[in-house]
Each structure stands twice: as structure tokens, then as C-alpha cells.
């Protein structure tokens, strides 16, 4: 099953373990701390393109899944960009 097909079965609130069972290991992971001290974890899954010697992966090749406290918050770039924006604001203070 492709990552795109598997994502159709995602549900908000799923545990990290449930997502791993469904999606497998993510291609990469990132973590961002929010102003309130909580952390948003992002698991990146390749959903566009394919791996080939001449193929270059870009940010748009991956869909981020957002987790907090081990539960799935959602999945899309909006969660990701919000976390980056907030973490940059924290660093600037």
C-alpha cells in the first residue's frame, strides 16, 4: 500500500504506535518546541514522486504528520508551517 493510500486510513488521536503499524517508519522526523513548553513532533512521509538516481526530493515530496503527547494532531503542511513559525518566534525573543 502506498503512503498516500495509507493516509486515507489515518484518524485524529491515533497513537504513534497505531500510525507506525499503518504507515511504517517515516522517512525523517523533526521536533519543535512551542512557547508553552509542549513539543510538536513531525513524521515526514514521502507522498509525491519516487526514488530514482535522477530524482531530487523536495519539501513538497513529503507530507508531515503532527503529533503531540504521542497522539496524532493532524497531517498537512499547515501544521508544519505553524510549528516552524512559532518556534522561530520563540528563538527571536
PDB file of N, CA and C in Angstrom:
ATOM      1  N   UNK A   1       0.845  -1.169   0.000  1.00  0.00           N
ATOM      2  CA  UNK A   1       0.000   0.000   0.000  1.00  0.00           C
ATOM      3  C   UNK A   1       0.901   1.246   0.000  1.00  0.00           C
ATOM      4  N   UNK A   2       0.569   2.220  -0.803  1.00  0.00           N
ATOM      5  CA  UNK A   2       1.366   3.447  -0.867  1.00  0.00           C
ATOM      6  C   UNK A   2       1.080   4.325   0.359  1.00  0.00           C
ATOM      7  N   UNK A   3       1.976   5.256   0.633  1.00  0.00           N
ATOM      8  CA  UNK A   3       1.764   6.180   1.744  1.00  0.00           C
ATOM      9  C   UNK A   3       0.499   6.998   1.550  1.00  0.00           C
ATOM     10  N   UNK A   4       0.249   7.400   0.320  1.00  0.00           N
ATOM     11  CA  UNK A   4      -0.962   8.192   0.050  1.00  0.00           C
ATOM     12  C   UNK A   4      -2.212   7.386   0.346  1.00  0.00           C
ATOM     13  N   UNK A   5      -2.217   6.118  -0.014  1.00  0.00           N
ATOM     14  CA  UNK A   5      -3.369   5.250   0.271  1.00  0.00           C
ATOM     15  C   UNK A   5      -3.518   5.029   1.774  1.00  0.00           C
ATOM     16  N   UNK A   6      -2.403   4.808   2.446  1.00  0.00           N
ATOM     17  CA  UNK A   6      -2.442   4.567   3.897  1.00  0.00           C
ATOM     18  C   UNK A   6      -2.957   5.789   4.639  1.00  0.00           C
ATOM     19  N   UNK A   7      -2.629   6.985   4.156  1.00  0.00           N
ATOM     20  CA  UNK A   7      -3.079   8.204   4.829  1.00  0.00           C
ATOM     21  C   UNK A   7      -4.596   8.343   4.839  1.00  0.00           C
ATOM     22  N   UNK A   8      -5.258   7.701   3.907  1.00  0.00           N
ATOM     23  CA  UNK A   8      -6.722   7.742   3.888  1.00  0.00           C
ATOM     24  C   UNK A   8      -7.312   7.046   5.112  1.00  0.00           C
ATOM     25  N   UNK A   9      -6.516   6.225   5.778  1.00  0.00           N
ATOM     26  CA  UNK A   9      -6.986   5.484   6.949  1.00  0.00           C
ATOM     27  C   UNK A   9      -6.581   6.146   8.270  1.00  0.00           C
ATOM     28  N   UNK A  10      -5.864   7.257   8.202  1.00  0.00           N
ATOM     29  CA  UNK A  10      -5.470   7.961   9.420  1.00  0.00           C
ATOM     30  C   UNK A  10      -6.690   8.569  10.104  1.00  0.00           C
ATOM     31  N   UNK A  11      -6.631   8.610  11.434  1.00  0.00           N
ATOM     32  CA  UNK A  11      -7.687   9.245  12.224  1.00  0.00           C
ATOM     33  C   UNK A  11      -7.042  10.107  13.300  1.00  0.00           C
ATOM     34  N   UNK A  12      -7.608  11.274  13.543  1.00  0.00           N
ATOM     35  CA  UNK A  12      -7.102  12.138  14.597  1.00  0.00           C
ATOM     36  C   UNK A  12      -7.117  11.388  15.919  1.00  0.00           C
ATOM     37  N   UNK A  13      -6.078  11.603  16.718  1.00  0.00           N
ATOM     38  CA  UNK A  13      -5.994  10.972  18.025  1.00  0.00           C
ATOM     39  C   UNK A  13      -5.334   9.606  18.025  1.00  0.00           C
ATOM     40  N   UNK A  14      -4.997   9.067  16.846  1.00  0.00           N
ATOM     41  CA  UNK A  14      -4.296   7.786  16.808  1.00  0.00           C
ATOM     42  C   UNK A  14      -2.986   7.899  17.571  1.00  0.00           C
ATOM     43  N   UNK A  15      -2.561   6.796  18.178  1.00  0.00           N
ATOM     44  CA  UNK A  15      -1.276   6.781  18.874  1.00  0.00           C
ATOM     45  C   UNK A  15      -0.149   6.658  17.851  1.00  0.00           C
ATOM     46  N   UNK A  16       1.051   6.995  18.299  1.00  0.00           N
ATOM     47  CA  UNK A  16       2.218   6.841  17.426  1.00  0.00           C
ATOM     48  C   UNK A  16       2.356   5.388  16.984  1.00  0.00           C
ATOM     49  N   UNK A  17       2.092   4.469  17.889  1.00  0.00           N
ATOM     50  CA  UNK A  17       2.190   3.044  17.569  1.00  0.00           C
ATOM     51  C   UNK A  17       1.194   2.643  16.480  1.00  0.00           C
ATOM     52  N   UNK A  18      -0.023   3.143  16.566  1.00  0.00           N
ATOM     53  CA  UNK A  18      -1.031   2.846  15.547  1.00  0.00           C
ATOM     54  C   UNK A  18      -0.611   3.392  14.188  1.00  0.00           C
ATOM     55  N   UNK A  19      -0.047   4.591  14.189  1.00  0.00           N
ATOM     56  CA  UNK A  19       0.398   5.192  12.925  1.00  0.00           C
ATOM     57  C   UNK A  19       1.565   4.389  12.352  1.00  0.00           C
ATOM     58  N   UNK A  20       2.501   3.976  13.198  1.00  0.00           N
ATOM     59  CA  UNK A  20       3.615   3.149  12.726  1.00  0.00           C
ATOM     60  C   UNK A  20       3.110   1.849  12.107  1.00  0.00           C
ATOM     61  N   UNK A  21       2.131   1.226  12.737  1.00  0.00           N
ATOM     62  CA  UNK A  21       1.568  -0.013  12.198  1.00  0.00           C
ATOM     63  C   UNK A  21       0.950   0.215  10.818  1.00  0.00           C
ATOM     64  N   UNK A  22       0.299   1.348  10.645  1.00  0.00           N
ATOM     65  CA  UNK A  22      -0.372   1.656   9.388  1.00  0.00           C
ATOM     66  C   UNK A  22       0.587   2.156   8.312  1.00  0.00           C
ATOM     67  N   UNK A  23       1.470   3.093   8.696  1.00  0.00           N
ATOM     68  CA  UNK A  23       2.295   3.806   7.719  1.00  0.00           C
ATOM     69  C   UNK A  23       3.718   3.268   7.595  1.00  0.00           C
ATOM     70  N   UNK A  24       4.192   2.569   8.618  1.00  0.00           N
ATOM     71  CA  UNK A  24       5.589   2.172   8.627  1.00  0.00           C
ATOM     72  C   UNK A  24       6.456   3.306   9.135  1.00  0.00           C
ATOM     73  N   UNK A  25       7.756   3.099   9.061  1.00  0.00           N
ATOM     74  CA  UNK A  25       8.719   4.078   9.559  1.00  0.00           C
ATOM     75  C   UNK A  25       8.735   5.320   8.656  1.00  0.00           C
ATOM     76  N   UNK A  26       8.721   6.523   9.256  1.00  0.00           N
ATOM     77  CA  UNK A  26       8.773   7.742   8.432  1.00  0.00           C
ATOM     78  C   UNK A  26      10.142   7.920   7.777  1.00  0.00           C
ATOM     79  N   UNK A  27      10.165   8.688   6.705  1.00  0.00           N
ATOM     80  CA  UNK A  27      11.423   8.982   6.018  1.00  0.00           C
ATOM     81  C   UNK A  27      12.332   9.853   6.865  1.00  0.00           C
ATOM     82  N   UNK A  28      11.738  10.778   7.619  1.00  0.00           N
ATOM     83  CA  UNK A  28      12.509  11.633   8.512  1.00  0.00           C
ATOM     84  C   UNK A  28      11.576  12.176   9.588  1.00  0.00           C
ATOM     85  N   UNK A  29      12.193  12.729  10.652  1.00  0.00           N
ATOM     86  CA  UNK A  29      11.434  13.268  11.782  1.00  0.00           C
ATOM     87  C   UNK A  29      12.020  14.621  12.182  1.00  0.00           C
ATOM     88  N   UNK A  30      11.146  15.513  12.641  1.00  0.00           N
ATOM     89  CA  UNK A  30      11.558  16.820  13.149  1.00  0.00           C
ATOM     90  C   UNK A  30      10.737  17.126  14.397  1.00  0.00           C
ATOM     91  N   UNK A  31      11.290  17.983  15.279  1.00  0.00           N
ATOM     92  CA  UNK A  31      10.640  18.322  16.540  1.00  0.00           C
ATOM     93  C   UNK A  31      10.728  19.828  16.756  1.00  0.00           C
ATOM     94  N   UNK A  32       9.631  20.419  17.236  1.00  0.00           N
ATOM     95  CA  UNK A  32       9.605  21.857  17.508  1.00  0.00           C
ATOM     96  C   UNK A  32       8.961  22.109  18.866  1.00  0.00           C
ATOM     97  N   UNK A  33       9.613  22.943  19.677  1.00  0.00           N
ATOM     98  CA  UNK A  33       9.076  23.298  20.987  1.00  0.00           C
ATOM     99  C   UNK A  33       8.265  24.577  20.867  1.00  0.00           C
ATOM    100  N   UNK A  34       7.080  24.557  21.463  1.00  0.00           N
ATOM    101  CA  UNK A  34       6.186  25.711  21.449  1.00  0.00           C
ATOM    102  C   UNK A  34       6.441  26.589  22.677  1.00  0.00           C
ATOM    103  N   UNK A  35       5.882  27.787  22.672  1.00  0.00           N
ATOM    104  CA  UNK A  35       6.063  28.745  23.758  1.00  0.00           C
ATOM    105  C   UNK A  35       5.572  28.189  25.093  1.00  0.00           C
ATOM    106  N   UNK A  36       4.562  27.326  25.061  1.00  0.00           N
ATOM    107  CA  UNK A  36       4.017  26.770  26.304  1.00  0.00           C
ATOM    108  C   UNK A  36       4.829  25.575  26.810  1.00  0.00           C
ATOM    109  N   UNK A  37       5.922  25.257  26.121  1.00  0.00           N
ATOM    110  CA  UNK A  37       6.793  24.165  26.546  1.00  0.00           C
ATOM    111  C   UNK A  37       6.462  22.822  25.941  1.00  0.00           C
ATOM    112  N   UNK A  38       5.324  22.703  25.266  1.00  0.00           N
ATOM    113  CA  UNK A  38       4.977  21.443  24.626  1.00  0.00           C
ATOM    114  C   UNK A  38       5.781  21.272  23.343  1.00  0.00           C
ATOM    115  N   UNK A  39       5.887  20.059  22.899  1.00  0.00           N
ATOM    116  CA  UNK A  39       6.631  19.756  21.678  1.00  0.00           C
ATOM    117  C   UNK A  39       5.683  19.196  20.637  1.00  0.00           C
ATOM    118  N   UNK A  40       5.848  19.643  19.411  1.00  0.00           N
ATOM    119  CA  UNK A  40       5.137  19.053  18.285  1.00  0.00           C
ATOM    120  C   UNK A  40       6.160  18.250  17.493  1.00  0.00           C
ATOM    121  N   UNK A  41       5.873  16.973  17.320  1.00  0.00           N
ATOM    122  CA  UNK A  41       6.746  16.072  16.574  1.00  0.00           C
ATOM    123  C   UNK A  41       6.164  15.904  15.177  1.00  0.00           C
ATOM    124  N   UNK A  42       7.027  15.917  14.180  1.00  0.00           N
ATOM    125  CA  UNK A  42       6.585  15.715  12.806  1.00  0.00           C
ATOM    126  C   UNK A  42       7.264  14.495  12.216  1.00  0.00           C
ATOM    127  N   UNK A  43       6.455  13.609  11.691  1.00  0.00           N
ATOM    128  CA  UNK A  43       6.949  12.451  10.954  1.00  0.00           C
ATOM    129  C   UNK A  43       6.680  12.745   9.488  1.00  0.00           C
ATOM    130  N   UNK A  44       7.710  12.683   8.668  1.00  0.00           N
ATOM    131  CA  UNK A  44       7.604  13.010   7.249  1.00  0.00           C
ATOM    132  C   UNK A  44       7.522  11.728   6.416  1.00  0.00           C
ATOM    133  N   UNK A  45       6.474  11.651   5.618  1.00  0.00           N
ATOM    134  CA  UNK A  45       6.287  10.509   4.725  1.00  0.00           C
ATOM    135  C   UNK A  45       6.304  10.987   3.280  1.00  0.00           C
ATOM    136  N   UNK A  46       7.034  10.279   2.438  1.00  0.00           N
ATOM    137  CA  UNK A  46       7.076  10.625   1.021  1.00  0.00           C
ATOM    138  C   UNK A  46       5.737  10.274   0.389  1.00  0.00           C
ATOM    139  N   UNK A  47       5.100  11.267  -0.216  1.00  0.00           N
ATOM    140  CA  UNK A  47       3.795  11.056  -0.843  1.00  0.00           C
ATOM    141  C   UNK A  47       3.757  11.499  -2.300  1.00  0.00           C
ATOM    142  N   UNK A  48       4.830  12.109  -2.766  1.00  0.00           N
ATOM    143  CA  UNK A  48       4.901  12.523  -4.169  1.00  0.00           C
ATOM    144  C   UNK A  48       6.238  12.106  -4.739  1.00  0.00           C
ATOM    145  N   UNK A  49       6.229  11.689  -5.969  1.00  0.00           N
ATOM    146  CA  UNK A  49       7.467  11.319  -6.635  1.00  0.00           C
ATOM    147  C   UNK A  49       7.881   9.902  -6.299  1.00  0.00           C
ATOM    148  N   UNK A  50       9.052   9.558  -6.764  1.00  0.00           N
ATOM    149  CA  UNK A  50       9.607   8.239  -6.496  1.00  0.00           C
ATOM    150  C   UNK A  50      11.119   8.370  -6.418  1.00  0.00           C
ATOM    151  N   UNK A  51      11.727   7.430  -5.771  1.00  0.00           N
ATOM    152  CA  UNK A  51      13.179   7.485  -5.636  1.00  0.00           C
ATOM    153  C   UNK A  51      13.827   6.876  -6.875  1.00  0.00           C
ATOM    154  N   UNK A  52      14.647   7.649  -7.510  1.00  0.00           N
ATOM    155  CA  UNK A  52      15.396   7.204  -8.689  1.00  0.00           C
ATOM    156  C   UNK A  52      16.700   7.997  -8.697  1.00  0.00           C
ATOM    157  N   UNK A  53      17.721   7.503  -9.381  1.00  0.00           N
ATOM    158  CA  UNK A  53      19.014   8.205  -9.369  1.00  0.00           C
ATOM    159  C   UNK A  53      18.933   9.669  -9.798  1.00  0.00           C
ATOM    160  N   UNK A  54      18.055   9.999 -10.730  1.00  0.00           N
ATOM    161  CA  UNK A  54      17.993  11.364 -11.228  1.00  0.00           C
ATOM    162  C   UNK A  54      16.904  12.190 -10.543  1.00  0.00           C
ATOM    163  N   UNK A  55      16.175  11.601  -9.612  1.00  0.00           N
ATOM    164  CA  UNK A  55      15.053  12.288  -8.968  1.00  0.00           C
ATOM    165  C   UNK A  55      15.523  12.996  -7.707  1.00  0.00           C
ATOM    166  N   UNK A  56      15.232  14.275  -7.587  1.00  0.00           N
ATOM    167  CA  UNK A  56      15.588  15.029  -6.402  1.00  0.00           C
ATOM    168  C   UNK A  56      14.350  15.237  -5.543  1.00  0.00           C
ATOM    169  N   UNK A  57      14.442  14.840  -4.279  1.00  0.00           N
ATOM    170  CA  UNK A  57      13.329  15.033  -3.364  1.00  0.00           C
ATOM    171  C   UNK A  57      13.302  16.482  -2.902  1.00  0.00           C
ATOM    172  N   UNK A  58      12.108  17.048  -2.824  1.00  0.00           N
ATOM    173  CA  UNK A  58      11.940  18.402  -2.333  1.00  0.00           C
ATOM    174  C   UNK A  58      10.995  18.358  -1.134  1.00  0.00           C
ATOM    175  N   UNK A  59      10.838  19.480  -0.500  1.00  0.00           N
ATOM    176  CA  UNK A  59       9.916  19.584   0.631  1.00  0.00           C
ATOM    177  C   UNK A  59       8.514  19.121   0.235  1.00  0.00           C
ATOM    178  N   UNK A  60       8.094  19.448  -0.973  1.00  0.00           N
ATOM    179  CA  UNK A  60       6.765  19.078  -1.450  1.00  0.00           C
ATOM    180  C   UNK A  60       6.606  17.570  -1.666  1.00  0.00           C
ATOM    181  N   UNK A  61       7.703  16.820  -1.639  1.00  0.00           N
ATOM    182  CA  UNK A  61       7.634  15.367  -1.807  1.00  0.00           C
ATOM    183  C   UNK A  61       7.112  14.662  -0.558  1.00  0.00           C
ATOM    184  N   UNK A  62       7.091  15.377   0.576  1.00  0.00           N
ATOM    185  CA  UNK A  62       6.744  14.775   1.856  1.00  0.00           C
ATOM    186  C   UNK A  62       5.486  15.394   2.452  1.00  0.00           C
ATOM    187  N   UNK A  63       4.707  14.571   3.142  1.00  0.00           N
ATOM    188  CA  UNK A  63       3.568  15.047   3.922  1.00  0.00           C
ATOM    189  C   UNK A  63       3.908  14.858   5.393  1.00  0.00           C
ATOM    190  N   UNK A  64       3.840  15.953   6.178  1.00  0.00           N
ATOM    191  CA  UNK A  64       4.139  15.839   7.604  1.00  0.00           C
ATOM    192  C   UNK A  64       2.920  15.402   8.408  1.00  0.00           C
ATOM    193  N   UNK A  65       3.150  14.500   9.358  1.00  0.00           N
ATOM    194  CA  UNK A  65       2.140  14.096  10.323  1.00  0.00           C
ATOM    195  C   UNK A  65       2.541  14.713  11.645  1.00  0.00           C
ATOM    196  N   UNK A  66       1.631  15.439  12.290  1.00  0.00           N
ATOM    197  CA  UNK A  66       1.922  16.161  13.525  1.00  0.00           C
ATOM    198  C   UNK A  66       1.436  15.375  14.736  1.00  0.00           C
ATOM    199  N   UNK A  67       2.321  15.235  15.739  1.00  0.00           N
ATOM    200  CA  UNK A  67       2.000  14.536  16.986  1.00  0.00           C
ATOM    201  C   UNK A  67       2.295  15.429  18.177  1.00  0.00           C
ATOM    202  N   UNK A  68       1.480  15.307  19.204  1.00  0.00           N
ATOM    203  CA  UNK A  68       1.747  15.917  20.500  1.00  0.00           C
ATOM    204  C   UNK A  68       1.310  14.926  21.561  1.00  0.00           C
ATOM    205  N   UNK A  69       2.141  14.742  22.558  1.00  0.00           N
ATOM    206  CA  UNK A  69       1.867  13.766  23.626  1.00  0.00           C
ATOM    207  C   UNK A  69       1.557  12.380  23.073  1.00  0.00           C
ATOM    208  N   UNK A  70       2.226  12.007  21.983  1.00  0.00           N
ATOM    209  CA  UNK A  70       2.070  10.671  21.420  1.00  0.00           C
ATOM    210  C   UNK A  70       0.787  10.437  20.648  1.00  0.00           C
ATOM    211  N   UNK A  71       0.033  11.497  20.369  1.00  0.00           N
ATOM    212  CA  UNK A  71      -1.235  11.388  19.635  1.00  0.00           C
ATOM    213  C   UNK A  71      -1.194  12.223  18.357  1.00  0.00           C
ATOM    214  N   UNK A  72      -1.837  11.708  17.324  1.00  0.00           N
ATOM    215  CA  UNK A  72      -1.869  12.377  16.023  1.00  0.00           C
ATOM    216  C   UNK A  72      -2.788  13.596  16.072  1.00  0.00           C
ATOM    217  N   UNK A  73      -2.207  14.772  15.806  1.00  0.00           N
ATOM    218  CA  UNK A  73      -2.959  16.024  15.772  1.00  0.00           C
ATOM    219  C   UNK A  73      -3.567  16.285  14.401  1.00  0.00           C
ATOM    220  N   UNK A  74      -2.860  15.857  13.366  1.00  0.00           N
ATOM    221  CA  UNK A  74      -3.294  16.106  12.001  1.00  0.00           C
ATOM    222  C   UNK A  74      -2.142  15.892  11.042  1.00  0.00           C
ATOM    223  N   UNK A  75      -2.415  16.117   9.773  1.00  0.00           N
ATOM    224  CA  UNK A  75      -1.372  15.906   8.778  1.00  0.00           C
ATOM    225  C   UNK A  75      -1.588  16.854   7.612  1.00  0.00           C
ATOM    226  N   UNK A  76      -0.652  17.721   7.432  1.00  0.00           N
ATOM    227  CA  UNK A  76      -0.543  18.592   6.265  1.00  0.00           C
ATOM    228  C   UNK A  76       0.513  19.649   6.546  1.00  0.00           C
ATOM    229  N   UNK A  77       0.804  20.429   5.565  1.00  0.00           N
ATOM    230  CA  UNK A  77       1.844  21.444   5.697  1.00  0.00           C
ATOM    231  C   UNK A  77       1.427  22.588   6.618  1.00  0.00           C
ATOM    232  N   UNK A  78       0.125  22.855   6.792  1.00  0.00           N
ATOM    233  CA  UNK A  78      -0.298  23.941   7.675  1.00  0.00           C
ATOM    234  C   UNK A  78       0.182  23.714   9.106  1.00  0.00           C
ATOM    235  N   UNK A  79       0.050  22.496   9.639  1.00  0.00           N
ATOM    236  CA  UNK A  79       0.557  22.181  10.967  1.00  0.00           C
ATOM    237  C   UNK A  79       2.057  22.437  11.020  1.00  0.00           C
ATOM    238  N   UNK A  80       2.741  22.010  10.002  1.00  0.00           N
ATOM    239  CA  UNK A  80       4.195  22.124   9.946  1.00  0.00           C
ATOM    240  C   UNK A  80       4.639  23.586   9.906  1.00  0.00           C
ATOM    241  N   UNK A  81       4.052  24.375   9.021  1.00  0.00           N
ATOM    242  CA  UNK A  81       4.448  25.775   8.903  1.00  0.00           C
ATOM    243  C   UNK A  81       4.119  26.557  10.167  1.00  0.00           C
ATOM    244  N   UNK A  82       2.989  26.253  10.811  1.00  0.00           N
ATOM    245  CA  UNK A  82       2.645  26.922  12.068  1.00  0.00           C
ATOM    246  C   UNK A  82       3.685  26.621  13.141  1.00  0.00           C
ATOM    247  N   UNK A  83       4.124  25.380  13.235  1.00  0.00           N
ATOM    248  CA  UNK A  83       5.124  24.997  14.238  1.00  0.00           C
ATOM    249  C   UNK A  83       6.451  25.688  13.982  1.00  0.00           C
ATOM    250  N   UNK A  84       6.855  25.779  12.728  1.00  0.00           N
ATOM    251  CA  UNK A  84       8.107  26.449  12.389  1.00  0.00           C
ATOM    252  C   UNK A  84       8.009  27.932  12.726  1.00  0.00           C
ATOM    253  N   UNK A  85       6.890  28.547  12.380  1.00  0.00           N
ATOM    254  CA  UNK A  85       6.700  29.975  12.649  1.00  0.00           C
ATOM    255  C   UNK A  85       6.776  30.247  14.153  1.00  0.00           C
ATOM    256  N   UNK A  86       6.095  29.443  14.948  1.00  0.00           N
ATOM    257  CA  UNK A  86       6.092  29.629  16.391  1.00  0.00           C
ATOM    258  C   UNK A  86       7.478  29.387  16.967  1.00  0.00           C
ATOM    259  N   UNK A  87       8.164  28.355  16.504  1.00  0.00           N
ATOM    260  CA  UNK A  87       9.490  28.074  17.050  1.00  0.00           C
ATOM    261  C   UNK A  87      10.467  29.186  16.690  1.00  0.00           C
ATOM    262  N   UNK A  88      10.332  29.799  15.528  1.00  0.00           N
ATOM    263  CA  UNK A  88      11.205  30.903  15.162  1.00  0.00           C
ATOM    264  C   UNK A  88      10.920  32.115  16.040  1.00  0.00           C
ATOM    265  N   UNK A  89       9.644  32.330  16.376  1.00  0.00           N
ATOM    266  CA  UNK A  89       9.295  33.440  17.250  1.00  0.00           C
ATOM    267  C   UNK A  89       9.892  33.232  18.629  1.00  0.00           C
ATOM    268  N   UNK A  90       9.901  32.010  19.108  1.00  0.00           N
ATOM    269  CA  UNK A  90      10.481  31.696  20.405  1.00  0.00           C
ATOM    270  C   UNK A  90      11.971  32.025  20.403  1.00  0.00           C
ATOM    271  N   UNK A  91      12.659  31.646  19.350  1.00  0.00           N
ATOM    272  CA  UNK A  91      14.099  31.889  19.252  1.00  0.00           C
ATOM    273  C   UNK A  91      14.403  33.394  19.203  1.00  0.00           C
ATOM    274  N   UNK A  92      13.499  34.172  18.611  1.00  0.00           N
ATOM    275  CA  UNK A  92      13.739  35.604  18.446  1.00  0.00           C
ATOM    276  C   UNK A  92      13.550  36.380  19.746  1.00  0.00           C
ATOM    277  N   UNK A  93      12.836  35.834  20.716  1.00  0.00           N
ATOM    278  CA  UNK A  93      12.556  36.557  21.968  1.00  0.00           C
ATOM    279  C   UNK A  93      13.730  36.609  22.878  1.00  0.00           C
TER     280      UNK A  93
END
